[in-house]
Amino acid sequence: MDLRSFLDGLGNALLRVPHELDPKHEMAAFLRAVEGRGLTALFERVAGYPHARVVGNLLATRRHLALALGTSEEQLAETYLKRKAQALATVTCSPAEAPVKEVIRGDDGPLLSALPVLTHYERDGGPFITAGLVFAKDPETGRRGFGIHRMMVKGENRLGILLANPPLVRFYARAEALGKPLEVAVALGVHPALLVGAVVPDNPMGPDKLEVAGALLGAPLELVPAETVDVEVPARAEIVVEGRVLPGYREQEGPMGENTGYYFTYESPVMEVTAITHRRDFIYPAICPWGADVDVLFSLAGGTELLGRLKALVPEVVDLELTPGTPGFSAVIAVKAKACPPARVRRLMGLALHLDRRLKVVTVVDDDVDIRNPREVAWALATRFQPDRDVVIFDGLEGYVIDPSVGETGRTAKIGLDATRGPGPEFDKIAMPEAAVSKAEALVEELLGKRA
């Protein structure tokens, strides 16, 4: 189970691009142009890289994500929560059996210039690796972990790396306190189930994230030792970049067009690259920041995690959706209609805003509203919400590092909006008879099928 097997299973949702495009701006622009069509793009000709391919929009829709986890869209959240609670022990294979070891690059040849790293936005400071899974060990306990961290290419063997999320930020802090570099390996081009595993919240008391990733994949994660660092890496990755994050040193990393839709610059640690291994005809993966991939990943991992916690605390909670385009800063929560009084809605909003440090805006609606339809959410706010009555504000809370509105204080205010209905019949939503709707939908499918 690897990236290639996933692409083979996409069928018509995979768009092969035979035209030569440049990794600088052109590929990112193409990905943005097709993301609303639910297509994964495989660039078969990469300007300046005759032996490489690039793939993007891997998780363009919830259907893609369901395919990655081997389930249906309807069972996606349930499947995720069930598997996340499990663990599958990893297995180690020999380098001879690992496709990612087909080519090994050391300090006697090109390193980062061998990879078609994309430059996404007009004012980006350079190329950025955005789909890299950074693997490392806790320098004190040896516990393994990994996550997605952006990396700016700064030369043949230098990367600026933003470390803002656990467990890697914790591992690096401990290594730095010991005056030692943190040994890391960056896996590029993996089965998308591992991307999901990378954004699963870290639980220091539970199984390590590599074992959780295997459970999400549905098979033990195959690992192989890295060449120059004491880290195990996915044997079936397309590419692995090895190196050490230096202690006690920061330099400017950015600007980069971030998932907030704004450029973001930070004083970040630096990674010295010591080796790169890859398949002979590797596929380089791209995640376009502020794109559909990010929304889908946040929705499953962040949204489903929060939904499970809220359901345990407020039984009236039915569903939750992180608003696309807001990198987890905004959410809509559905509760059972006429079953959750205003006081409990306020409690729910407070819980949600305090449980998730990213979350800044919460809108609560009844379950007669389709929370994945922006038109219906806007309708509920327009007709069931009164600003002087239905707003709760919390201030002085911890902000998130990439939020440009937080400023130098690092603090943020958060807001909850109660757009649930009143008790009277004047709030009953208009509806058509189910029999008529079913007949119409079947007829539409028949007519569209004939056109195809």
Protein backbone atom coordinates (compact mmCIF):
# COMPACT_ATOMS: atom_id res chain seq x y z
CA MET A 1 0.00 0.00 0.00
CA ASP A 2 1.76 3.12 -1.25
CA LEU A 3 1.13 6.31 -3.18
CA ARG A 4 1.14 4.48 -6.51
CA SER A 5 -1.50 1.97 -5.49
CA PHE A 6 -3.70 4.84 -4.31
CA LEU A 7 -3.33 6.66 -7.63
CA ASP A 8 -4.15 3.46 -9.53
CA GLY A 9 -7.44 3.26 -7.61
CA LEU A 10 -8.60 6.80 -8.38
CA GLY A 11 -9.97 5.99 -11.82
CA ASN A 12 -11.51 9.04 -13.51
CA ALA A 13 -10.63 11.21 -10.51
CA LEU A 14 -6.97 11.11 -11.63
CA LEU A 15 -6.10 13.71 -14.25
CA ARG A 16 -2.86 12.98 -16.10
CA VAL A 17 -1.22 16.19 -17.32
CA PRO A 18 1.01 15.54 -20.36
CA HIS A 19 2.02 19.20 -20.82
CA GLU A 20 5.35 20.39 -19.42
CA LEU A 21 4.80 22.76 -16.49
CA ASP A 22 7.24 24.59 -14.25
CA PRO A 23 7.39 23.82 -10.51
CA LYS A 24 7.67 27.58 -9.98
CA HIS A 25 4.09 28.89 -9.85
CA GLU A 26 2.69 27.01 -12.87
CA MET A 27 1.92 23.71 -11.13
CA ALA A 28 0.39 25.39 -8.09
CA ALA A 29 -1.79 27.51 -10.36
CA PHE A 30 -2.95 24.38 -12.18
CA LEU A 31 -3.79 22.66 -8.89
CA ARG A 32 -5.91 25.61 -7.78
CA ALA A 33 -7.65 25.65 -11.16
CA VAL A 34 -8.81 22.03 -10.91
CA GLU A 35 -9.36 21.56 -7.17
CA GLY A 36 -13.04 22.54 -7.37
CA ARG A 37 -13.54 19.72 -9.85
CA GLY A 38 -12.50 17.03 -7.39
CA LEU A 39 -9.49 15.91 -9.42
CA THR A 40 -6.04 14.70 -8.41
CA ALA A 41 -3.45 15.96 -10.90
CA LEU A 42 -0.42 13.91 -11.95
CA PHE A 43 2.11 16.03 -13.84
CA GLU A 44 3.98 13.71 -16.17
CA ARG A 45 6.43 16.29 -17.55
CA VAL A 46 8.21 18.59 -15.11
CA ALA A 47 10.29 21.43 -16.53
CA GLY A 48 13.94 20.87 -15.61
CA TYR A 49 13.34 17.39 -14.13
CA PRO A 50 13.14 14.77 -16.90
CA HIS A 51 12.98 11.79 -14.55
CA ALA A 52 10.45 13.11 -12.03
CA ARG A 53 6.70 13.44 -11.78
CA VAL A 54 4.63 15.62 -9.44
CA VAL A 55 1.24 14.87 -7.94
CA GLY A 56 -1.16 17.26 -6.22
CA ASN A 57 -4.70 17.46 -4.84
CA LEU A 58 -4.30 13.97 -3.39
CA LEU A 59 -7.15 14.59 -0.95
CA ALA A 60 -9.23 16.85 -3.16
CA THR A 61 -12.57 15.62 -1.75
CA ARG A 62 -14.01 13.58 1.09
CA ARG A 63 -14.40 10.78 -1.47
CA HIS A 64 -10.62 10.72 -1.91
CA LEU A 65 -10.20 10.56 1.84
CA ALA A 66 -12.71 7.72 2.15
CA LEU A 67 -10.83 5.82 -0.56
CA ALA A 68 -7.57 6.34 1.34
CA LEU A 69 -9.08 4.76 4.45
CA GLY A 70 -10.92 2.05 2.52
CA THR A 71 -14.38 3.12 3.66
CA SER A 72 -17.43 5.09 2.50
CA GLU A 73 -17.97 8.82 2.90
CA GLU A 74 -20.87 8.08 5.25
CA GLN A 75 -18.65 5.93 7.49
CA LEU A 76 -15.58 8.17 7.29
CA ALA A 77 -15.73 9.72 10.76
CA GLU A 78 -16.69 6.44 12.41
CA THR A 79 -13.89 4.57 10.63
CA TYR A 80 -11.34 7.21 11.59
CA LEU A 81 -12.28 7.23 15.28
CA LYS A 82 -12.37 3.43 15.48
CA ARG A 83 -8.97 2.92 13.83
CA LYS A 84 -7.33 5.83 15.64
CA ALA A 85 -8.06 4.13 18.94
CA GLN A 86 -6.19 1.05 17.72
CA ALA A 87 -2.55 0.45 16.93
CA LEU A 88 -0.63 -1.85 14.60
CA ALA A 89 2.99 -2.61 15.41
CA THR A 90 5.37 -1.47 12.69
CA VAL A 91 7.52 -3.92 10.75
CA THR A 92 11.10 -3.42 9.58
CA CYS A 93 12.29 -4.53 6.16
CA SER A 94 15.78 -4.68 4.74
CA PRO A 95 17.12 -1.86 2.54
CA ALA A 96 17.18 -4.28 -0.39
CA GLU A 97 13.40 -4.65 -0.11
CA ALA A 98 12.69 -0.91 0.27
CA PRO A 99 11.76 0.92 -2.97
CA VAL A 100 12.83 4.23 -1.41
CA LYS A 101 16.45 2.99 -1.37
CA GLU A 102 16.73 2.54 -5.15
CA VAL A 103 18.80 5.74 -5.39
CA ILE A 104 20.97 7.09 -2.57
CA ARG A 105 22.38 10.63 -2.76
CA GLY A 106 25.09 11.76 -0.36
CA ASP A 107 27.33 14.79 -0.10
CA ASP A 108 29.11 13.98 -3.37
CA GLY A 109 26.28 15.15 -5.63
CA PRO A 110 23.11 17.23 -5.88
CA LEU A 111 20.69 16.99 -2.98
CA LEU A 112 17.72 19.34 -2.76
CA SER A 113 18.18 20.60 -6.31
CA ALA A 114 17.31 17.06 -7.44
CA LEU A 115 13.73 17.54 -6.19
CA PRO A 116 11.08 19.58 -8.08
CA VAL A 117 10.00 21.50 -4.97
CA LEU A 118 7.13 23.84 -5.80
CA THR A 119 7.00 27.60 -5.39
CA HIS A 120 3.30 28.26 -4.84
CA TYR A 121 2.45 31.92 -4.46
CA GLU A 122 3.72 35.12 -6.06
CA ARG A 123 5.54 36.53 -3.01
CA ASP A 124 6.84 33.25 -1.58
CA GLY A 125 10.47 33.57 -0.51
CA GLY A 126 11.39 30.42 -2.43
CA PRO A 127 10.36 26.79 -2.94
CA PHE A 128 8.60 25.13 0.02
CA ILE A 129 8.16 21.45 0.85
CA THR A 130 4.53 21.24 2.03
CA ALA A 131 3.71 17.52 2.03
CA GLY A 132 6.73 16.25 3.96
CA LEU A 133 6.17 13.90 6.89
CA VAL A 134 8.94 14.65 9.38
CA PHE A 135 9.93 11.58 11.45
CA ALA A 136 12.01 11.83 14.65
CA LYS A 137 12.52 10.35 18.12
CA ASP A 138 12.23 11.91 21.56
CA PRO A 139 15.92 12.35 22.54
CA GLU A 140 15.11 11.47 26.16
CA THR A 141 12.71 8.54 25.83
CA GLY A 142 13.23 7.27 22.27
CA ARG A 143 9.48 7.53 21.58
CA ARG A 144 8.78 7.92 17.87
CA GLY A 145 6.60 10.53 16.27
CA PHE A 146 5.96 12.40 13.04
CA GLY A 147 4.00 15.31 11.64
CA ILE A 148 3.62 17.60 8.64
CA HIS A 149 5.91 20.63 8.84
CA ARG A 150 6.60 23.19 6.13
CA MET A 151 10.21 23.52 4.97
CA MET A 152 11.83 26.27 2.92
CA VAL A 153 14.63 25.29 0.53
CA LYS A 154 17.64 27.50 1.36
CA GLY A 155 20.37 25.80 -0.63
CA GLU A 156 21.65 22.43 -1.69
CA ASN A 157 21.63 21.03 1.86
CA ARG A 158 19.73 23.55 4.02
CA LEU A 159 16.05 23.75 4.93
CA GLY A 160 14.26 26.19 7.18
CA ILE A 161 11.71 24.16 9.14
CA LEU A 162 8.68 25.50 11.03
CA LEU A 163 8.19 23.47 14.21
CA ALA A 164 4.95 24.62 15.83
CA ASN A 165 3.08 21.41 16.64
CA PRO A 166 3.67 18.34 18.82
CA PRO A 167 5.31 15.93 18.99
CA LEU A 168 8.20 17.36 16.93
CA VAL A 169 8.22 20.72 18.68
CA ARG A 170 8.60 18.84 21.98
CA PHE A 171 11.33 16.56 20.63
CA TYR A 172 13.30 19.53 19.32
CA ALA A 173 12.98 21.47 22.59
CA ARG A 174 14.43 18.52 24.49
CA ALA A 175 17.27 18.04 22.02
CA GLU A 176 18.06 21.74 22.13
CA ALA A 177 18.10 21.72 25.95
CA LEU A 178 20.73 18.98 25.71
CA GLY A 179 22.72 21.03 23.18
CA LYS A 180 22.24 18.36 20.53
CA PRO A 181 20.77 18.42 17.02
CA LEU A 182 17.50 16.60 16.45
CA GLU A 183 17.92 13.85 13.86
CA VAL A 184 15.01 13.79 11.42
CA ALA A 185 13.93 12.17 8.17
CA VAL A 186 11.33 13.66 5.83
CA ALA A 187 9.17 11.19 3.89
CA LEU A 188 7.66 12.47 0.66
CA GLY A 189 5.17 10.60 -1.51
CA VAL A 190 3.35 8.21 0.82
CA HIS A 191 -0.07 6.62 0.88
CA PRO A 192 -2.56 9.37 1.89
CA ALA A 193 -3.60 7.40 4.98
CA LEU A 194 -0.20 8.38 6.41
CA LEU A 195 -1.00 12.04 5.78
CA VAL A 196 -4.03 11.53 7.99
CA GLY A 197 -1.86 9.81 10.58
CA ALA A 198 0.48 12.81 10.56
CA VAL A 199 -2.27 15.20 11.70
CA VAL A 200 -3.77 12.92 14.36
CA PRO A 201 -3.36 14.74 17.70
CA ASP A 202 -0.39 13.36 19.59
CA ASN A 203 -1.20 11.41 22.77
CA PRO A 204 2.01 10.91 24.80
CA MET A 205 0.26 8.28 26.92
CA GLY A 206 -1.07 6.23 24.00
CA PRO A 207 0.52 4.24 21.17
CA ASP A 208 3.05 6.11 19.07
CA LYS A 209 1.83 7.85 15.94
CA LEU A 210 3.54 5.36 13.61
CA GLU A 211 1.44 2.54 15.07
CA VAL A 212 -1.70 4.68 14.76
CA ALA A 213 -0.78 5.41 11.14
CA GLY A 214 -0.61 1.67 10.48
CA ALA A 215 -4.10 1.27 11.92
CA LEU A 216 -5.39 4.02 9.63
CA LEU A 217 -3.62 2.42 6.67
CA GLY A 218 -5.12 -0.94 7.56
CA ALA A 219 -1.74 -2.68 7.49
CA PRO A 220 1.46 -2.48 9.56
CA LEU A 221 3.65 0.41 8.47
CA GLU A 222 6.76 -0.93 6.75
CA LEU A 223 9.90 0.88 7.91
CA VAL A 224 13.55 0.86 6.93
CA PRO A 225 16.53 2.47 8.71
CA ALA A 226 17.68 5.81 7.30
CA GLU A 227 21.19 6.07 5.88
CA THR A 228 22.73 8.88 7.96
CA VAL A 229 20.43 9.42 10.97
CA ASP A 230 19.00 7.16 13.66
CA VAL A 231 15.44 7.29 12.36
CA GLU A 232 13.24 4.69 10.67
CA VAL A 233 11.35 5.80 7.56
CA PRO A 234 8.50 4.44 5.41
CA ALA A 235 10.04 1.87 3.09
CA ARG A 236 7.54 2.58 0.30
CA ALA A 237 7.86 6.37 0.28
CA GLU A 238 8.85 7.97 -3.01
CA ILE A 239 11.55 10.16 -1.41
CA VAL A 240 13.25 10.53 1.98
CA VAL A 241 15.30 13.59 2.98
CA GLU A 242 17.60 12.96 5.96
CA GLY A 243 19.23 15.51 8.20
CA ARG A 244 19.68 17.23 11.54
CA VAL A 245 17.84 20.22 12.97
CA LEU A 246 20.53 22.41 14.56
CA PRO A 247 20.23 23.47 18.21
CA GLY A 248 20.32 27.08 19.34
CA TYR A 249 20.02 28.60 15.90
CA ARG A 250 17.18 30.40 14.10
CA GLU A 251 16.92 32.34 10.89
CA GLN A 252 14.15 33.84 8.84
CA GLU A 253 11.97 31.29 7.07
CA GLY A 254 9.48 32.71 4.61
CA PRO A 255 7.53 34.54 3.48
CA MET A 256 5.22 31.74 2.46
CA GLY A 257 1.59 31.84 1.40
CA GLU A 258 0.12 29.92 4.35
CA ASN A 259 -3.12 28.06 4.97
CA THR A 260 -4.58 31.28 6.39
CA GLY A 261 -4.52 32.84 2.93
CA TYR A 262 -1.79 35.28 4.00
CA TYR A 263 2.00 35.36 3.73
CA PHE A 264 3.76 34.27 6.92
CA THR A 265 7.39 34.69 7.97
CA TYR A 266 8.97 33.22 11.08
CA GLU A 267 12.31 32.83 12.82
CA SER A 268 12.66 29.06 12.47
CA PRO A 269 15.24 26.33 13.11
CA VAL A 270 17.46 25.13 10.29
CA MET A 271 17.86 21.56 9.06
CA GLU A 272 21.13 20.44 7.50
CA VAL A 273 20.46 17.74 4.89
CA THR A 274 22.84 14.78 5.05
CA ALA A 275 21.34 12.44 2.42
CA ILE A 276 18.41 11.87 0.12
CA THR A 277 17.08 8.48 -1.00
CA HIS A 278 14.36 7.93 -3.57
CA ARG A 279 12.80 5.67 -6.17
CA ARG A 280 14.36 5.88 -9.63
CA ASP A 281 11.26 7.40 -11.24
CA PHE A 282 9.95 9.14 -8.13
CA ILE A 283 6.70 11.08 -7.76
CA TYR A 284 7.06 14.29 -5.77
CA PRO A 285 3.91 15.20 -3.75
CA ALA A 286 2.58 18.73 -3.44
CA ILE A 287 0.02 20.23 -1.10
CA CYS A 288 -0.99 23.70 -2.23
CA PRO A 289 -1.43 25.82 0.93
CA TRP A 290 -4.92 27.20 1.45
CA GLY A 291 -6.27 24.49 -0.82
CA ALA A 292 -8.74 21.62 -0.69
CA ASP A 293 -6.21 19.07 0.65
CA VAL A 294 -5.77 21.15 3.79
CA ASP A 295 -9.52 21.53 4.31
CA VAL A 296 -10.14 17.79 3.95
CA LEU A 297 -7.30 16.84 6.33
CA PHE A 298 -8.37 19.35 8.97
CA SER A 299 -12.00 18.30 8.65
CA LEU A 300 -11.28 14.65 9.38
CA ALA A 301 -8.53 14.81 11.98
CA GLY A 302 -9.28 18.09 13.75
CA GLY A 303 -13.02 18.17 13.20
CA THR A 304 -13.76 14.54 14.00
CA GLU A 305 -11.54 14.62 17.10
CA LEU A 306 -13.40 17.66 18.44
CA LEU A 307 -16.78 16.17 17.50
CA GLY A 308 -16.07 13.03 19.54
CA ARG A 309 -15.06 15.04 22.60
CA LEU A 310 -18.07 17.34 22.38
CA LYS A 311 -20.53 14.46 21.96
CA ALA A 312 -19.24 12.96 25.19
CA LEU A 313 -19.84 16.24 27.02
CA VAL A 314 -23.03 17.48 25.32
CA PRO A 315 -25.24 14.58 24.14
CA GLU A 316 -27.34 16.85 21.90
CA VAL A 317 -24.40 17.38 19.52
CA VAL A 318 -25.04 15.70 16.15
CA ASP A 319 -22.27 16.80 13.75
CA LEU A 320 -19.42 19.26 13.23
CA GLU A 321 -17.79 20.78 10.16
CA LEU A 322 -14.65 22.89 10.04
CA THR A 323 -15.31 25.73 7.61
CA PRO A 324 -13.27 25.29 4.39
CA GLY A 325 -10.56 27.88 3.88
CA THR A 326 -10.16 28.77 7.56
CA PRO A 327 -7.38 26.22 8.57
CA GLY A 328 -9.45 25.01 11.51
CA PHE A 329 -10.18 28.51 12.86
CA SER A 330 -13.95 28.34 12.25
CA ALA A 331 -16.51 25.58 12.76
CA VAL A 332 -20.24 24.90 12.48
CA ILE A 333 -21.83 22.52 15.00
CA ALA A 334 -25.25 20.91 14.57
CA VAL A 335 -27.41 19.99 17.59
CA LYS A 336 -30.70 18.13 17.83
CA ALA A 337 -33.48 20.53 16.86
CA LYS A 338 -35.47 21.96 19.79
CA ALA A 339 -33.52 19.70 22.21
CA CYS A 340 -30.67 22.03 23.19
CA PRO A 341 -31.79 25.12 25.15
CA PRO A 342 -29.85 28.42 24.86
CA ALA A 343 -27.92 27.91 28.10
CA ARG A 344 -26.63 24.55 26.91
CA VAL A 345 -25.75 25.98 23.50
CA ARG A 346 -23.62 28.62 25.30
CA ARG A 347 -21.91 25.91 27.31
CA LEU A 348 -21.25 23.97 24.10
CA MET A 349 -19.69 27.00 22.41
CA GLY A 350 -17.43 27.63 25.40
CA LEU A 351 -16.30 24.01 25.46
CA ALA A 352 -15.51 23.93 21.74
CA LEU A 353 -13.55 27.19 21.79
CA HIS A 354 -11.47 26.11 24.78
CA LEU A 355 -10.85 22.49 23.72
CA ASP A 356 -9.30 23.41 20.34
CA ARG A 357 -6.70 26.18 20.44
CA ARG A 358 -7.01 26.79 16.70
CA LEU A 359 -10.74 27.37 16.82
CA LYS A 360 -11.77 31.04 16.96
CA VAL A 361 -15.35 31.18 15.63
CA VAL A 362 -18.12 28.66 16.38
CA THR A 363 -21.61 28.74 14.90
CA VAL A 364 -24.25 26.40 16.35
CA VAL A 365 -27.27 25.41 14.24
CA ASP A 366 -30.02 22.80 14.44
CA ASP A 367 -29.71 19.52 12.61
CA ASP A 368 -32.27 20.56 9.99
CA VAL A 369 -29.42 22.69 8.57
CA ASP A 370 -26.88 21.07 6.23
CA ILE A 371 -23.65 22.20 7.91
CA ARG A 372 -21.63 21.37 4.76
CA ASN A 373 -23.76 23.71 2.66
CA PRO A 374 -22.61 27.34 3.16
CA ARG A 375 -25.95 28.58 1.79
CA GLU A 376 -27.92 26.83 4.54
CA VAL A 377 -25.56 27.96 7.31
CA ALA A 378 -25.85 31.55 6.05
CA TRP A 379 -29.65 31.12 6.01
CA ALA A 380 -29.68 29.99 9.66
CA LEU A 381 -27.55 32.99 10.67
CA ALA A 382 -29.80 35.35 8.70
CA THR A 383 -33.11 34.08 10.10
CA ARG A 384 -32.46 32.49 13.52
CA PHE A 385 -29.71 34.67 14.98
CA GLN A 386 -29.88 38.03 16.80
CA PRO A 387 -26.50 39.72 17.50
CA ASP A 388 -27.58 41.35 20.78
CA ARG A 389 -28.88 38.05 22.17
CA ASP A 390 -26.97 35.16 20.60
CA VAL A 391 -23.27 36.08 20.84
CA VAL A 392 -20.71 34.83 23.40
CA ILE A 393 -17.18 36.30 23.42
CA PHE A 394 -14.10 35.01 25.25
CA ASP A 395 -10.95 37.11 25.31
CA GLY A 396 -7.32 36.76 26.39
CA LEU A 397 -6.97 33.19 25.12
CA GLU A 398 -3.95 31.54 23.47
CA GLY A 399 -3.74 32.29 19.76
CA TYR A 400 -2.26 30.21 16.96
CA VAL A 401 1.14 31.08 15.54
CA ILE A 402 0.13 31.49 11.88
CA ASP A 403 -2.93 33.67 12.64
CA PRO A 404 -1.92 37.16 11.44
CA SER A 405 -4.57 38.86 13.59
CA VAL A 406 -3.00 37.64 16.83
CA GLY A 407 -0.06 40.05 16.64
CA GLU A 408 2.84 40.24 19.06
CA THR A 409 0.81 39.39 22.18
CA GLY A 410 0.06 35.85 20.99
CA ARG A 411 -3.45 36.25 22.46
CA THR A 412 -6.82 36.05 20.73
CA ALA A 413 -10.50 36.57 21.38
CA LYS A 414 -13.01 33.89 20.42
CA ILE A 415 -16.68 34.13 19.53
CA GLY A 416 -19.68 31.80 19.55
CA LEU A 417 -22.83 32.43 17.48
CA ASP A 418 -26.11 30.73 18.43
CA ALA A 419 -28.10 30.26 15.22
CA THR A 420 -30.44 27.58 16.58
CA ARG A 421 -34.17 27.90 15.99
CA GLY A 422 -36.85 29.08 18.37
CA PRO A 423 -39.57 26.74 19.63
CA GLY A 424 -42.45 27.99 17.48
CA PRO A 425 -43.73 26.65 14.12
CA GLU A 426 -42.59 29.87 12.42
CA PHE A 427 -39.06 28.34 12.44
CA ASP A 428 -40.09 25.13 10.64
CA LYS A 429 -37.94 24.77 7.54
CA ILE A 430 -39.75 24.46 4.22
CA ALA A 431 -39.52 21.03 2.62
CA MET A 432 -40.73 19.06 -0.38
CA PRO A 433 -42.37 15.63 -0.14
CA GLU A 434 -39.73 12.90 0.07
CA ALA A 435 -41.35 10.86 -2.71
CA ALA A 436 -41.15 13.79 -5.13
CA VAL A 437 -37.53 14.49 -4.19
CA SER A 438 -36.51 10.84 -4.66
CA LYS A 439 -38.21 10.65 -8.05
CA ALA A 440 -36.58 13.87 -9.22
CA GLU A 441 -33.10 12.79 -8.10
CA ALA A 442 -33.43 9.43 -9.86
CA LEU A 443 -34.56 11.16 -13.06
CA VAL A 444 -31.63 13.60 -12.96
CA GLU A 445 -29.18 10.71 -12.56
CA GLU A 446 -30.78 8.90 -15.49
CA LEU A 447 -30.58 11.93 -17.78
CA LEU A 448 -27.01 12.75 -16.84
CA GLY A 449 -26.04 9.11 -17.38
CA LYS A 450 -27.43 9.23 -20.91
CA ARG A 451 -25.46 12.41 -21.66
CA ALA A 452 -22.23 10.77 -20.47
